[in-house]
PDB file of all heavy atoms in Angstrom:
ATOM      1  N   SER A   1      -5.271  -1.500  12.417  1.00  0.00           N
ATOM      2  CA  SER A   1      -4.082  -0.786  12.889  1.00  0.00           C
ATOM      3  C   SER A   1      -2.835  -1.272  12.156  1.00  0.00           C
ATOM      4  O   SER A   1      -1.924  -0.485  11.843  1.00  0.00           O
ATOM      5  CB  SER A   1      -3.909  -0.987  14.399  1.00  0.00           C
ATOM      6  OG  SER A   1      -3.831  -2.372  14.710  1.00  0.00           O
ATOM      7  N   LEU A   2      -2.780  -2.560  11.862  1.00  0.00           N
ATOM      8  CA  LEU A   2      -1.645  -3.112  11.143  1.00  0.00           C
ATOM      9  C   LEU A   2      -1.606  -2.584   9.711  1.00  0.00           C
ATOM     10  O   LEU A   2      -0.544  -2.204   9.200  1.00  0.00           O
ATOM     11  CB  LEU A   2      -1.721  -4.636  11.170  1.00  0.00           C
ATOM     12  CG  LEU A   2      -0.561  -5.424  10.553  1.00  0.00           C
ATOM     13  CD1 LEU A   2      -0.399  -6.776  11.257  1.00  0.00           C
ATOM     14  CD2 LEU A   2      -0.786  -5.666   9.066  1.00  0.00           C
ATOM     15  N   LEU A   3      -2.757  -2.545   9.056  1.00  0.00           N
ATOM     16  CA  LEU A   3      -2.816  -2.040   7.689  1.00  0.00           C
ATOM     17  C   LEU A   3      -2.413  -0.571   7.632  1.00  0.00           C
ATOM     18  O   LEU A   3      -1.707  -0.146   6.705  1.00  0.00           O
ATOM     19  CB  LEU A   3      -4.219  -2.237   7.119  1.00  0.00           C
ATOM     20  CG  LEU A   3      -4.650  -3.696   6.904  1.00  0.00           C
ATOM     21  CD1 LEU A   3      -6.133  -3.766   6.568  1.00  0.00           C
ATOM     22  CD2 LEU A   3      -3.819  -4.343   5.797  1.00  0.00           C
ATOM     23  N   ALA A   4      -2.860   0.195   8.600  1.00  0.00           N
ATOM     24  CA  ALA A   4      -2.512   1.617   8.636  1.00  0.00           C
ATOM     25  C   ALA A   4      -1.000   1.800   8.796  1.00  0.00           C
ATOM     26  O   ALA A   4      -0.389   2.648   8.141  1.00  0.00           O
ATOM     27  CB  ALA A   4      -3.254   2.314   9.771  1.00  0.00           C
ATOM     28  N   LYS A   5      -0.390   0.981   9.682  1.00  0.00           N
ATOM     29  CA  LYS A   5       1.051   1.085   9.893  1.00  0.00           C
ATOM     30  C   LYS A   5       1.819   0.650   8.661  1.00  0.00           C
ATOM     31  O   LYS A   5       2.816   1.284   8.270  1.00  0.00           O
ATOM     32  CB  LYS A   5       1.455   0.221  11.097  1.00  0.00           C
ATOM     33  CG  LYS A   5       2.919   0.391  11.500  1.00  0.00           C
ATOM     34  CD  LYS A   5       3.199   1.830  11.971  1.00  0.00           C
ATOM     35  CE  LYS A   5       4.631   1.992  12.439  1.00  0.00           C
ATOM     36  NZ  LYS A   5       4.889   3.378  12.915  1.00  0.00           N
ATOM     37  N   MET A   6       1.370  -0.410   8.020  1.00  0.00           N
ATOM     38  CA  MET A   6       2.041  -0.896   6.814  1.00  0.00           C
ATOM     39  C   MET A   6       2.018   0.162   5.716  1.00  0.00           C
ATOM     40  O   MET A   6       3.020   0.395   5.033  1.00  0.00           O
ATOM     41  CB  MET A   6       1.362  -2.182   6.319  1.00  0.00           C
ATOM     42  CG  MET A   6       2.097  -2.871   5.188  1.00  0.00           C
ATOM     43  SD  MET A   6       1.251  -4.369   4.624  1.00  0.00           S
ATOM     44  CE  MET A   6       1.381  -5.392   6.081  1.00  0.00           C
ATOM     45  N   ASP A   7       0.894   0.840   5.569  1.00  0.00           N
ATOM     46  CA  ASP A   7       0.789   1.876   4.541  1.00  0.00           C
ATOM     47  C   ASP A   7       1.654   3.080   4.894  1.00  0.00           C
ATOM     48  O   ASP A   7       2.243   3.719   4.017  1.00  0.00           O
ATOM     49  CB  ASP A   7      -0.674   2.292   4.380  1.00  0.00           C
ATOM     50  CG  ASP A   7      -0.935   2.918   3.022  1.00  0.00           C
ATOM     51  OD1 ASP A   7      -0.173   2.653   2.075  1.00  0.00           O
ATOM     52  OD2 ASP A   7      -1.932   3.659   2.888  1.00  0.00           O
ATOM     53  N   GLU A   8       1.735   3.386   6.177  1.00  0.00           N
ATOM     54  CA  GLU A   8       2.585   4.492   6.627  1.00  0.00           C
ATOM     55  C   GLU A   8       4.050   4.232   6.265  1.00  0.00           C
ATOM     56  O   GLU A   8       4.775   5.150   5.846  1.00  0.00           O
ATOM     57  CB  GLU A   8       2.443   4.663   8.146  1.00  0.00           C
ATOM     58  CG  GLU A   8       3.368   5.715   8.749  1.00  0.00           C
ATOM     59  CD  GLU A   8       3.365   5.681  10.267  1.00  0.00           C
ATOM     60  OE1 GLU A   8       2.330   5.291  10.868  1.00  0.00           O
ATOM     61  OE2 GLU A   8       4.402   6.036  10.871  1.00  0.00           O
ATOM     62  N   LEU A   9       4.473   2.963   6.399  1.00  0.00           N
ATOM     63  CA  LEU A   9       5.869   2.623   6.150  1.00  0.00           C
ATOM     64  C   LEU A   9       6.178   2.381   4.674  1.00  0.00           C
ATOM     65  O   LEU A   9       7.231   2.773   4.170  1.00  0.00           O
ATOM     66  CB  LEU A   9       6.246   1.373   6.947  1.00  0.00           C
ATOM     67  CG  LEU A   9       6.222   1.501   8.470  1.00  0.00           C
ATOM     68  CD1 LEU A   9       6.455   0.136   9.109  1.00  0.00           C
ATOM     69  CD2 LEU A   9       7.270   2.500   8.955  1.00  0.00           C
ATOM     70  N   TYR A  10       5.253   1.709   3.976  1.00  0.00           N
ATOM     71  CA  TYR A  10       5.543   1.242   2.618  1.00  0.00           C
ATOM     72  C   TYR A  10       4.863   2.058   1.521  1.00  0.00           C
ATOM     73  O   TYR A  10       5.178   1.877   0.336  1.00  0.00           O
ATOM     74  CB  TYR A  10       5.119  -0.225   2.464  1.00  0.00           C
ATOM     75  CG  TYR A  10       5.782  -1.186   3.416  1.00  0.00           C
ATOM     76  CD1 TYR A  10       5.201  -2.419   3.698  1.00  0.00           C
ATOM     77  CD2 TYR A  10       6.998  -0.885   4.046  1.00  0.00           C
ATOM     78  CE1 TYR A  10       5.803  -3.328   4.562  1.00  0.00           C
ATOM     79  CE2 TYR A  10       7.601  -1.783   4.916  1.00  0.00           C
ATOM     80  CZ  TYR A  10       6.994  -2.997   5.178  1.00  0.00           C
ATOM     81  OH  TYR A  10       7.582  -3.891   6.032  1.00  0.00           O
ATOM     82  N   HIS A  11       3.926   2.926   1.886  1.00  0.00           N
ATOM     83  CA  HIS A  11       3.258   3.813   0.926  1.00  0.00           C
ATOM     84  C   HIS A  11       2.649   3.036  -0.243  1.00  0.00           C
ATOM     85  O   HIS A  11       2.861   3.359  -1.419  1.00  0.00           O
ATOM     86  CB  HIS A  11       4.241   4.869   0.398  1.00  0.00           C
ATOM     87  CG  HIS A  11       4.884   5.685   1.474  1.00  0.00           C
ATOM     88  ND1 HIS A  11       4.186   6.585   2.249  1.00  0.00           N
ATOM     89  CD2 HIS A  11       6.175   5.718   1.927  1.00  0.00           C
ATOM     90  CE1 HIS A  11       5.003   7.156   3.126  1.00  0.00           C
ATOM     91  NE2 HIS A  11       6.211   6.645   2.958  1.00  0.00           N
ATOM     92  N   PHE A  12       1.867   2.013   0.074  1.00  0.00           N
ATOM     93  CA  PHE A  12       1.236   1.211  -0.966  1.00  0.00           C
ATOM     94  C   PHE A  12       0.040   1.914  -1.613  1.00  0.00           C
ATOM     95  O   PHE A  12      -0.215   1.736  -2.807  1.00  0.00           O
ATOM     96  CB  PHE A  12       0.768  -0.134  -0.397  1.00  0.00           C
ATOM     97  CG  PHE A  12       1.869  -1.142  -0.219  1.00  0.00           C
ATOM     98  CD1 PHE A  12       1.889  -1.980   0.886  1.00  0.00           C
ATOM     99  CD2 PHE A  12       2.882  -1.278  -1.165  1.00  0.00           C
ATOM    100  CE1 PHE A  12       2.887  -2.925   1.050  1.00  0.00           C
ATOM    101  CE2 PHE A  12       3.888  -2.222  -1.015  1.00  0.00           C
ATOM    102  CZ  PHE A  12       3.887  -3.049   0.109  1.00  0.00           C
ATOM    103  N   THR A  13      -0.704   2.704  -0.852  1.00  0.00           N
ATOM    104  CA  THR A  13      -1.941   3.282  -1.397  1.00  0.00           C
ATOM    105  C   THR A  13      -1.690   4.163  -2.624  1.00  0.00           C
ATOM    106  O   THR A  13      -2.412   4.040  -3.621  1.00  0.00           O
ATOM    107  CB  THR A  13      -2.696   4.067  -0.313  1.00  0.00           C
ATOM    108  OG1 THR A  13      -3.137   3.140   0.698  1.00  0.00           O
ATOM    109  CG2 THR A  13      -3.917   4.775  -0.889  1.00  0.00           C
ATOM    110  N   PRO A  14      -0.700   5.043  -2.638  1.00  0.00           N
ATOM    111  CA  PRO A  14      -0.514   5.893  -3.825  1.00  0.00           C
ATOM    112  C   PRO A  14       0.333   5.264  -4.923  1.00  0.00           C
ATOM    113  O   PRO A  14       0.628   5.937  -5.921  1.00  0.00           O
ATOM    114  CB  PRO A  14       0.201   7.124  -3.243  1.00  0.00           C
ATOM    115  CG  PRO A  14       0.999   6.585  -2.092  1.00  0.00           C
ATOM    116  CD  PRO A  14       0.166   5.466  -1.513  1.00  0.00           C
ATOM    117  N   ILE A  15       0.708   4.004  -4.792  1.00  0.00           N
ATOM    118  CA  ILE A  15       1.642   3.412  -5.738  1.00  0.00           C
ATOM    119  C   ILE A  15       1.040   3.354  -7.140  1.00  0.00           C
ATOM    120  O   ILE A  15      -0.176   3.207  -7.308  1.00  0.00           O
ATOM    121  CB  ILE A  15       2.064   1.999  -5.254  1.00  0.00           C
ATOM    122  CG1 ILE A  15       3.434   1.626  -5.817  1.00  0.00           C
ATOM    123  CG2 ILE A  15       1.027   0.948  -5.635  1.00  0.00           C
ATOM    124  CD1 ILE A  15       4.114   0.501  -5.043  1.00  0.00           C
ATOM    125  N   ARG A  16       1.865   3.459  -8.161  1.00  0.00           N
ATOM    126  CA  ARG A  16       1.391   3.512  -9.546  1.00  0.00           C
ATOM    127  C   ARG A  16       1.233   2.120 -10.156  1.00  0.00           C
ATOM    128  O   ARG A  16       0.345   1.896 -10.968  1.00  0.00           O
ATOM    129  CB  ARG A  16       2.370   4.336 -10.386  1.00  0.00           C
ATOM    130  CG  ARG A  16       1.978   4.456 -11.856  1.00  0.00           C
ATOM    131  CD  ARG A  16       3.000   5.276 -12.628  1.00  0.00           C
ATOM    132  NE  ARG A  16       2.756   5.244 -14.063  1.00  0.00           N
ATOM    133  CZ  ARG A  16       3.580   5.734 -14.973  1.00  0.00           C
ATOM    134  NH1 ARG A  16       4.705   6.308 -14.586  1.00  0.00           N
ATOM    135  NH2 ARG A  16       3.287   5.677 -16.259  1.00  0.00           N
ATOM    136  N   ASN A  17       2.088   1.190  -9.787  1.00  0.00           N
ATOM    137  CA  ASN A  17       2.046  -0.158 -10.351  1.00  0.00           C
ATOM    138  C   ASN A  17       0.679  -0.791 -10.090  1.00  0.00           C
ATOM    139  O   ASN A  17       0.268  -0.970  -8.950  1.00  0.00           O
ATOM    140  CB  ASN A  17       3.155  -1.007  -9.730  1.00  0.00           C
ATOM    141  CG  ASN A  17       3.204  -2.401 -10.297  1.00  0.00           C
ATOM    142  OD1 ASN A  17       2.317  -3.207 -10.061  1.00  0.00           O
ATOM    143  ND2 ASN A  17       4.272  -2.698 -11.035  1.00  0.00           N
ATOM    144  N   ALA A  18      -0.038  -1.150 -11.168  1.00  0.00           N
ATOM    145  CA  ALA A  18      -1.423  -1.606 -11.027  1.00  0.00           C
ATOM    146  C   ALA A  18      -1.524  -2.939 -10.301  1.00  0.00           C
ATOM    147  O   ALA A  18      -2.478  -3.166  -9.541  1.00  0.00           O
ATOM    148  CB  ALA A  18      -2.080  -1.710 -12.410  1.00  0.00           C
ATOM    149  N   ASP A  19      -0.567  -3.839 -10.506  1.00  0.00           N
ATOM    150  CA  ASP A  19      -0.627  -5.138  -9.838  1.00  0.00           C
ATOM    151  C   ASP A  19      -0.403  -5.015  -8.336  1.00  0.00           C
ATOM    152  O   ASP A  19      -1.081  -5.685  -7.545  1.00  0.00           O
ATOM    153  CB  ASP A  19       0.398  -6.088 -10.449  1.00  0.00           C
ATOM    154  CG  ASP A  19      -0.049  -6.636 -11.795  1.00  0.00           C
ATOM    155  OD1 ASP A  19      -0.849  -7.581 -11.799  1.00  0.00           O
ATOM    156  OD2 ASP A  19       0.381  -6.106 -12.823  1.00  0.00           O
ATOM    157  N   ILE A  20       0.547  -4.172  -7.931  1.00  0.00           N
ATOM    158  CA  ILE A  20       0.753  -3.943  -6.493  1.00  0.00           C
ATOM    159  C   ILE A  20      -0.454  -3.231  -5.908  1.00  0.00           C
ATOM    160  O   ILE A  20      -0.943  -3.582  -4.814  1.00  0.00           O
ATOM    161  CB  ILE A  20       2.031  -3.117  -6.253  1.00  0.00           C
ATOM    162  CG1 ILE A  20       3.257  -3.854  -6.788  1.00  0.00           C
ATOM    163  CG2 ILE A  20       2.197  -2.815  -4.772  1.00  0.00           C
ATOM    164  CD1 ILE A  20       4.546  -3.046  -6.721  1.00  0.00           C
ATOM    165  N   ARG A  21      -0.947  -2.244  -6.599  1.00  0.00           N
ATOM    166  CA  ARG A  21      -2.118  -1.492  -6.153  1.00  0.00           C
ATOM    167  C   ARG A  21      -3.309  -2.425  -5.926  1.00  0.00           C
ATOM    168  O   ARG A  21      -4.006  -2.343  -4.911  1.00  0.00           O
ATOM    169  CB  ARG A  21      -2.439  -0.448  -7.229  1.00  0.00           C
ATOM    170  CG  ARG A  21      -3.421   0.631  -6.855  1.00  0.00           C
ATOM    171  CD  ARG A  21      -3.487   1.600  -8.024  1.00  0.00           C
ATOM    172  NE  ARG A  21      -4.523   2.590  -7.901  1.00  0.00           N
ATOM    173  CZ  ARG A  21      -4.874   3.423  -8.875  1.00  0.00           C
ATOM    174  NH1 ARG A  21      -4.245   3.361 -10.042  1.00  0.00           N
ATOM    175  NH2 ARG A  21      -5.841   4.307  -8.696  1.00  0.00           N
ATOM    176  N   PHE A  22      -3.518  -3.342  -6.881  1.00  0.00           N
ATOM    177  CA  PHE A  22      -4.612  -4.294  -6.769  1.00  0.00           C
ATOM    178  C   PHE A  22      -4.445  -5.197  -5.549  1.00  0.00           C
ATOM    179  O   PHE A  22      -5.382  -5.390  -4.765  1.00  0.00           O
ATOM    180  CB  PHE A  22      -4.687  -5.147  -8.039  1.00  0.00           C
ATOM    181  CG  PHE A  22      -5.481  -6.408  -7.896  1.00  0.00           C
ATOM    182  CD1 PHE A  22      -6.847  -6.361  -7.614  1.00  0.00           C
ATOM    183  CD2 PHE A  22      -4.877  -7.655  -8.022  1.00  0.00           C
ATOM    184  CE1 PHE A  22      -7.586  -7.525  -7.471  1.00  0.00           C
ATOM    185  CE2 PHE A  22      -5.603  -8.822  -7.884  1.00  0.00           C
ATOM    186  CZ  PHE A  22      -6.958  -8.764  -7.597  1.00  0.00           C
ATOM    187  N   ARG A  23      -3.252  -5.746  -5.354  1.00  0.00           N
ATOM    188  CA  ARG A  23      -3.047  -6.663  -4.232  1.00  0.00           C
ATOM    189  C   ARG A  23      -3.178  -5.946  -2.892  1.00  0.00           C
ATOM    190  O   ARG A  23      -3.694  -6.509  -1.920  1.00  0.00           O
ATOM    191  CB  ARG A  23      -1.681  -7.332  -4.348  1.00  0.00           C
ATOM    192  CG  ARG A  23      -1.607  -8.408  -5.415  1.00  0.00           C
ATOM    193  CD  ARG A  23      -2.621  -9.501  -5.176  1.00  0.00           C
ATOM    194  NE  ARG A  23      -2.505 -10.591  -6.144  1.00  0.00           N
ATOM    195  CZ  ARG A  23      -3.314 -11.641  -6.185  1.00  0.00           C
ATOM    196  NH1 ARG A  23      -4.310 -11.732  -5.318  1.00  0.00           N
ATOM    197  NH2 ARG A  23      -3.159 -12.586  -7.083  1.00  0.00           N
ATOM    198  N   TRP A  24      -2.726  -4.704  -2.829  1.00  0.00           N
ATOM    199  CA  TRP A  24      -2.865  -3.928  -1.589  1.00  0.00           C
ATOM    200  C   TRP A  24      -4.337  -3.650  -1.311  1.00  0.00           C
ATOM    201  O   TRP A  24      -4.819  -3.842  -0.182  1.00  0.00           O
ATOM    202  CB  TRP A  24      -2.074  -2.628  -1.688  1.00  0.00           C
ATOM    203  CG  TRP A  24      -2.356  -1.639  -0.589  1.00  0.00           C
ATOM    204  CD1 TRP A  24      -2.908  -0.402  -0.727  1.00  0.00           C
ATOM    205  CD2 TRP A  24      -2.094  -1.805   0.811  1.00  0.00           C
ATOM    206  NE1 TRP A  24      -3.028   0.219   0.487  1.00  0.00           N
ATOM    207  CE2 TRP A  24      -2.530  -0.621   1.464  1.00  0.00           C
ATOM    208  CE3 TRP A  24      -1.551  -2.836   1.578  1.00  0.00           C
ATOM    209  CZ2 TRP A  24      -2.422  -0.445   2.830  1.00  0.00           C
ATOM    210  CZ3 TRP A  24      -1.444  -2.655   2.952  1.00  0.00           C
ATOM    211  CH2 TRP A  24      -1.878  -1.481   3.572  1.00  0.00           C
TER     212      TRP A  24
END
């Protein structure tokens, strides 16, 4: 539930930056 909320707020899943994408 926390991961879902974090993605809802910060939109990490569609991000283009490969390093951020990897860490997420």
